């Protein structure tokens, strides 16, 4: 699996899980991670930042329903950033989770909200 470094300046470029799951070859050549929604509210946006000042977001399509999970892949335009990134979820009820720092170079990374 090729591991990409991340770019805070181009965070609005993620591929949706549906496209990745339909193309196993693409998933093998990109760095992916799993997101699980353990709340009772749909996740509508997954925000990411290297510095907690400028936030981008992942394309999660129509969202991640309560109790569901999704696999996401970093876009190649993020190759020049560091592995450590802050992530937070925005929910259908207008609330947001606290941001948490993750190392996206870690193999088999799973995020739970």
C-alpha atoms as a PDB file:
ATOM      1  CA  UNK A   1       0.000   0.000   0.000  1.00  0.00           C
ATOM      2  CA  UNK A   2       1.378   3.389  -0.955  1.00  0.00           C
ATOM      3  CA  UNK A   3       1.146   5.870   1.935  1.00  0.00           C
ATOM      4  CA  UNK A   4       0.692   9.520   1.033  1.00  0.00           C
ATOM      5  CA  UNK A   5       1.552  12.531   3.120  1.00  0.00           C
ATOM      6  CA  UNK A   6      -1.263  15.045   3.568  1.00  0.00           C
ATOM      7  CA  UNK A   7      -1.720  18.628   2.314  1.00  0.00           C
ATOM      8  CA  UNK A   8      -3.675  21.153   4.371  1.00  0.00           C
ATOM      9  CA  UNK A   9      -3.802  23.542   1.414  1.00  0.00           C
ATOM     10  CA  UNK A  10      -5.844  21.126  -0.707  1.00  0.00           C
ATOM     11  CA  UNK A  11      -8.121  19.282   1.700  1.00  0.00           C
ATOM     12  CA  UNK A  12     -11.288  19.576  -0.401  1.00  0.00           C
ATOM     13  CA  UNK A  13     -10.282  16.751  -2.721  1.00  0.00           C
ATOM     14  CA  UNK A  14     -11.246  13.390  -1.232  1.00  0.00           C
ATOM     15  CA  UNK A  15     -12.813  10.572  -3.136  1.00  0.00           C
ATOM     16  CA  UNK A  16     -16.060   9.118  -1.832  1.00  0.00           C
ATOM     17  CA  UNK A  17     -16.166   5.588  -0.456  1.00  0.00           C
ATOM     18  CA  UNK A  18     -18.526   4.400  -3.180  1.00  0.00           C
ATOM     19  CA  UNK A  19     -16.035   5.168  -5.920  1.00  0.00           C
ATOM     20  CA  UNK A  20     -13.230   3.471  -4.009  1.00  0.00           C
ATOM     21  CA  UNK A  21     -15.212   0.342  -3.190  1.00  0.00           C
ATOM     22  CA  UNK A  22     -16.209   0.018  -6.838  1.00  0.00           C
ATOM     23  CA  UNK A  23     -12.582   0.242  -7.932  1.00  0.00           C
ATOM     24  CA  UNK A  24     -10.455  -2.128  -5.858  1.00  0.00           C
ATOM     25  CA  UNK A  25      -7.345  -1.311  -7.895  1.00  0.00           C
ATOM     26  CA  UNK A  26      -7.611   2.374  -6.962  1.00  0.00           C
ATOM     27  CA  UNK A  27      -8.013   1.506  -3.284  1.00  0.00           C
ATOM     28  CA  UNK A  28      -4.839  -0.583  -3.418  1.00  0.00           C
ATOM     29  CA  UNK A  29      -2.776   2.312  -4.805  1.00  0.00           C
ATOM     30  CA  UNK A  30      -4.032   5.019  -2.389  1.00  0.00           C
ATOM     31  CA  UNK A  31      -3.905   5.447   1.376  1.00  0.00           C
ATOM     32  CA  UNK A  32      -7.287   4.746   2.925  1.00  0.00           C
ATOM     33  CA  UNK A  33      -8.830   4.856   6.386  1.00  0.00           C
ATOM     34  CA  UNK A  34     -12.152   3.830   7.882  1.00  0.00           C
ATOM     35  CA  UNK A  35     -14.656   6.138   9.627  1.00  0.00           C
ATOM     36  CA  UNK A  36     -17.375   4.700  11.885  1.00  0.00           C
ATOM     37  CA  UNK A  37     -20.321   6.738  13.129  1.00  0.00           C
ATOM     38  CA  UNK A  38     -21.150   5.388  16.603  1.00  0.00           C
ATOM     39  CA  UNK A  39     -23.538   8.258  17.354  1.00  0.00           C
ATOM     40  CA  UNK A  40     -27.297   8.411  16.822  1.00  0.00           C
ATOM     41  CA  UNK A  41     -26.984  11.347  14.384  1.00  0.00           C
ATOM     42  CA  UNK A  42     -25.868  11.299  10.730  1.00  0.00           C
ATOM     43  CA  UNK A  43     -22.392  12.730  10.005  1.00  0.00           C
ATOM     44  CA  UNK A  44     -22.840  15.293   7.234  1.00  0.00           C
ATOM     45  CA  UNK A  45     -19.247  16.513   6.946  1.00  0.00           C
ATOM     46  CA  UNK A  46     -15.822  15.272   8.021  1.00  0.00           C
ATOM     47  CA  UNK A  47     -13.470  18.236   8.539  1.00  0.00           C
ATOM     48  CA  UNK A  48      -9.668  18.065   8.565  1.00  0.00           C
ATOM     49  CA  UNK A  49      -6.866  20.497   9.409  1.00  0.00           C
ATOM     50  CA  UNK A  50      -3.160  20.358  10.037  1.00  0.00           C
ATOM     51  CA  UNK A  51      -3.157  23.513  12.203  1.00  0.00           C
ATOM     52  CA  UNK A  52      -6.764  23.783  13.540  1.00  0.00           C
ATOM     53  CA  UNK A  53      -7.007  27.188  11.800  1.00  0.00           C
ATOM     54  CA  UNK A  54      -7.782  26.310   8.190  1.00  0.00           C
ATOM     55  CA  UNK A  55     -10.280  23.458   7.748  1.00  0.00           C
ATOM     56  CA  UNK A  56     -10.970  21.426   4.619  1.00  0.00           C
ATOM     57  CA  UNK A  57     -13.360  18.518   4.291  1.00  0.00           C
ATOM     58  CA  UNK A  58     -13.653  15.022   2.869  1.00  0.00           C
ATOM     59  CA  UNK A  59     -16.256  14.216   0.237  1.00  0.00           C
ATOM     60  CA  UNK A  60     -18.574  11.831   2.102  1.00  0.00           C
ATOM     61  CA  UNK A  61     -21.439  12.094  -0.365  1.00  0.00           C
ATOM     62  CA  UNK A  62     -24.788  12.145   1.445  1.00  0.00           C
ATOM     63  CA  UNK A  63     -23.066  11.461   4.773  1.00  0.00           C
ATOM     64  CA  UNK A  64     -22.431   8.599   7.161  1.00  0.00           C
ATOM     65  CA  UNK A  65     -25.617   7.354   8.816  1.00  0.00           C
ATOM     66  CA  UNK A  66     -25.733   6.498  12.516  1.00  0.00           C
ATOM     67  CA  UNK A  67     -24.170   3.085  13.080  1.00  0.00           C
ATOM     68  CA  UNK A  68     -22.615   2.968   9.602  1.00  0.00           C
ATOM     69  CA  UNK A  69     -19.018   3.199   8.385  1.00  0.00           C
ATOM     70  CA  UNK A  70     -17.242   4.411   5.279  1.00  0.00           C
ATOM     71  CA  UNK A  71     -13.769   3.984   3.809  1.00  0.00           C
ATOM     72  CA  UNK A  72     -12.115   7.180   2.557  1.00  0.00           C
ATOM     73  CA  UNK A  73      -8.949   7.736   0.499  1.00  0.00           C
ATOM     74  CA  UNK A  74      -6.572  10.692   0.537  1.00  0.00           C
ATOM     75  CA  UNK A  75      -6.227  12.405  -2.833  1.00  0.00           C
ATOM     76  CA  UNK A  76      -2.764  12.511  -4.429  1.00  0.00           C
ATOM     77  CA  UNK A  77      -2.831  16.334  -4.211  1.00  0.00           C
ATOM     78  CA  UNK A  78      -2.201  15.904  -0.454  1.00  0.00           C
ATOM     79  CA  UNK A  79       1.201  14.246  -0.892  1.00  0.00           C
ATOM     80  CA  UNK A  80       3.267  17.140   0.530  1.00  0.00           C
ATOM     81  CA  UNK A  81       1.703  17.406   4.021  1.00  0.00           C
ATOM     82  CA  UNK A  82       2.583  15.794   7.314  1.00  0.00           C
ATOM     83  CA  UNK A  83       0.906  12.645   8.595  1.00  0.00           C
ATOM     84  CA  UNK A  84      -0.603  14.241  11.715  1.00  0.00           C
ATOM     85  CA  UNK A  85      -3.952  15.921  11.089  1.00  0.00           C
ATOM     86  CA  UNK A  86      -6.863  17.085  13.245  1.00  0.00           C
ATOM     87  CA  UNK A  87     -10.290  15.715  12.343  1.00  0.00           C
ATOM     88  CA  UNK A  88     -13.800  16.530  13.531  1.00  0.00           C
ATOM     89  CA  UNK A  89     -17.289  15.532  12.429  1.00  0.00           C
ATOM     90  CA  UNK A  90     -20.235  17.820  11.679  1.00  0.00           C
ATOM     91  CA  UNK A  91     -23.660  16.304  12.331  1.00  0.00           C
ATOM     92  CA  UNK A  92     -27.128  16.656  10.802  1.00  0.00           C
ATOM     93  CA  UNK A  93     -28.376  18.373  13.985  1.00  0.00           C
ATOM     94  CA  UNK A  94     -25.842  21.212  13.535  1.00  0.00           C
ATOM     95  CA  UNK A  95     -23.430  20.065  16.246  1.00  0.00           C
ATOM     96  CA  UNK A  96     -19.736  19.199  15.795  1.00  0.00           C
ATOM     97  CA  UNK A  97     -17.487  16.730  17.581  1.00  0.00           C
ATOM     98  CA  UNK A  98     -14.335  17.842  19.356  1.00  0.00           C
ATOM     99  CA  UNK A  99     -11.317  17.734  17.065  1.00  0.00           C
ATOM    100  CA  UNK A 100      -8.897  14.851  17.590  1.00  0.00           C
ATOM    101  CA  UNK A 101      -5.385  14.405  16.197  1.00  0.00           C
ATOM    102  CA  UNK A 102      -4.656  11.321  14.090  1.00  0.00           C
ATOM    103  CA  UNK A 103      -1.575   9.974  12.313  1.00  0.00           C
ATOM    104  CA  UNK A 104      -2.817   9.188   8.803  1.00  0.00           C
ATOM    105  CA  UNK A 105       0.397   7.342   7.924  1.00  0.00           C
ATOM    106  CA  UNK A 106      -0.653   4.640  10.396  1.00  0.00           C
ATOM    107  CA  UNK A 107      -1.681   1.396   8.678  1.00  0.00           C
ATOM    108  CA  UNK A 108      -5.315   0.304   9.065  1.00  0.00           C
ATOM    109  CA  UNK A 109      -6.337   3.591  10.701  1.00  0.00           C
ATOM    110  CA  UNK A 110      -9.930   3.626  11.990  1.00  0.00           C
ATOM    111  CA  UNK A 111     -11.691   6.773  13.232  1.00  0.00           C
ATOM    112  CA  UNK A 112     -14.763   6.548  15.447  1.00  0.00           C
ATOM    113  CA  UNK A 113     -17.175   9.358  16.195  1.00  0.00           C
END
